[in-house]
């Protein structure tokens, strides 16, 4: 798993960009306007997200359209899977314990 992806996610502005891109692909200008960022600042954050593998870019005439890169997100999800199982196992055990308490 790429450390760059986790480093990219530390910044709340980048997380806000990802949240917008989760809804639909966007151009730099759209992201900047919606989030209230300057266009250079938005471009800088997008570069970090692209280099970390979390977003991809395609050219559409004069615009660059950014979208979430499923491959980068899959790497994060794979890294988190054992922790998710840990919590699911513990929550299942709690549920069994509570069910047992109700029966007695």
Protein backbone atom coordinates (compact mmCIF):
# COMPACT_ATOMS: atom_id res chain seq x y z
CA UNK A 1 0.00 0.00 0.00
CA UNK A 2 1.22 3.47 -0.83
CA UNK A 3 2.20 5.72 2.05
CA UNK A 4 1.51 8.66 -0.28
CA UNK A 5 -2.21 7.86 -0.20
CA UNK A 6 -2.35 8.14 3.59
CA UNK A 7 -0.26 11.32 3.51
CA UNK A 8 -2.64 12.80 0.95
CA UNK A 9 -5.64 12.04 3.15
CA UNK A 10 -4.22 13.92 6.13
CA UNK A 11 -5.19 17.26 4.60
CA UNK A 12 -8.87 18.19 5.16
CA UNK A 13 -8.97 20.16 1.89
CA UNK A 14 -8.00 17.04 -0.04
CA UNK A 15 -10.66 15.05 1.78
CA UNK A 16 -13.20 17.73 0.78
CA UNK A 17 -12.09 17.39 -2.85
CA UNK A 18 -12.47 13.60 -2.65
CA UNK A 19 -15.94 14.02 -1.18
CA UNK A 20 -16.97 16.13 -4.18
CA UNK A 21 -15.38 13.69 -6.60
CA UNK A 22 -17.23 10.86 -4.90
CA UNK A 23 -20.45 12.43 -6.20
CA UNK A 24 -19.19 12.97 -9.78
CA UNK A 25 -16.08 13.80 -11.82
CA UNK A 26 -15.29 17.53 -11.86
CA UNK A 27 -13.02 20.05 -13.52
CA UNK A 28 -10.58 22.10 -11.46
CA UNK A 29 -12.71 25.23 -11.77
CA UNK A 30 -15.83 23.46 -10.54
CA UNK A 31 -14.01 22.12 -7.50
CA UNK A 32 -12.46 25.51 -6.73
CA UNK A 33 -15.78 27.34 -7.01
CA UNK A 34 -17.75 24.82 -4.98
CA UNK A 35 -15.17 24.55 -2.19
CA UNK A 36 -14.15 28.21 -2.13
CA UNK A 37 -10.51 27.48 -2.93
CA UNK A 38 -8.30 29.34 -5.36
CA UNK A 39 -7.70 27.53 -8.63
CA UNK A 40 -3.92 27.21 -8.00
CA UNK A 41 -4.57 25.76 -4.54
CA UNK A 42 -7.09 23.29 -5.95
CA UNK A 43 -4.65 22.26 -8.69
CA UNK A 44 -1.93 21.70 -6.10
CA UNK A 45 -4.17 19.44 -4.01
CA UNK A 46 -5.31 17.55 -7.11
CA UNK A 47 -1.70 16.96 -8.11
CA UNK A 48 -0.99 15.40 -4.70
CA UNK A 49 -4.12 13.25 -4.96
CA UNK A 50 -3.21 12.17 -8.50
CA UNK A 51 0.39 11.35 -7.58
CA UNK A 52 -0.83 9.32 -4.61
CA UNK A 53 -3.08 7.26 -6.89
CA UNK A 54 -6.38 8.44 -5.39
CA UNK A 55 -7.64 10.42 -8.40
CA UNK A 56 -7.23 10.16 -12.13
CA UNK A 57 -7.46 12.88 -14.77
CA UNK A 58 -8.66 12.95 -18.36
CA UNK A 59 -8.47 15.78 -20.85
CA UNK A 60 -11.75 17.10 -22.28
CA UNK A 61 -10.94 19.83 -24.82
CA UNK A 62 -9.43 22.63 -22.72
CA UNK A 63 -10.43 21.16 -19.37
CA UNK A 64 -8.99 18.46 -17.16
CA UNK A 65 -11.65 16.34 -15.53
CA UNK A 66 -10.74 14.64 -12.26
CA UNK A 67 -12.36 11.52 -10.86
CA UNK A 68 -11.72 9.12 -8.01
CA UNK A 69 -9.36 6.34 -9.05
CA UNK A 70 -10.97 3.07 -7.93
CA UNK A 71 -7.58 1.32 -7.88
CA UNK A 72 -6.14 3.71 -5.31
CA UNK A 73 -9.25 3.45 -3.17
CA UNK A 74 -9.16 -0.35 -3.44
CA UNK A 75 -5.63 -0.34 -2.00
CA UNK A 76 -6.83 1.67 1.00
CA UNK A 77 -9.83 -0.60 1.41
CA UNK A 78 -7.62 -3.70 1.29
CA UNK A 79 -5.37 -2.24 3.98
CA UNK A 80 -8.39 -1.45 6.18
CA UNK A 81 -10.06 -4.86 5.70
CA UNK A 82 -8.35 -6.63 8.65
CA UNK A 83 -9.34 -3.78 10.97
CA UNK A 84 -12.91 -3.86 9.71
CA UNK A 85 -13.01 -7.62 10.39
CA UNK A 86 -11.64 -7.00 13.89
CA UNK A 87 -14.45 -4.57 14.68
CA UNK A 88 -17.08 -6.73 13.01
CA UNK A 89 -15.95 -9.74 15.07
CA UNK A 90 -16.10 -7.70 18.27
CA UNK A 91 -19.51 -6.25 17.44
CA UNK A 92 -20.80 -9.75 16.63
CA UNK A 93 -19.51 -10.99 19.99
CA UNK A 94 -21.21 -8.07 21.74
CA UNK A 95 -24.46 -8.90 19.93
CA UNK A 96 -24.23 -12.55 21.01
CA UNK A 97 -23.54 -11.45 24.59
CA UNK A 98 -26.55 -9.12 24.62
CA UNK A 99 -28.77 -11.78 23.06
CA UNK A 100 -27.66 -14.22 25.75
CA UNK A 101 -28.43 -11.64 28.47
CA UNK A 102 -31.97 -11.16 27.09
CA UNK A 103 -32.58 -14.92 27.21
CA UNK A 104 -31.66 -15.18 30.90
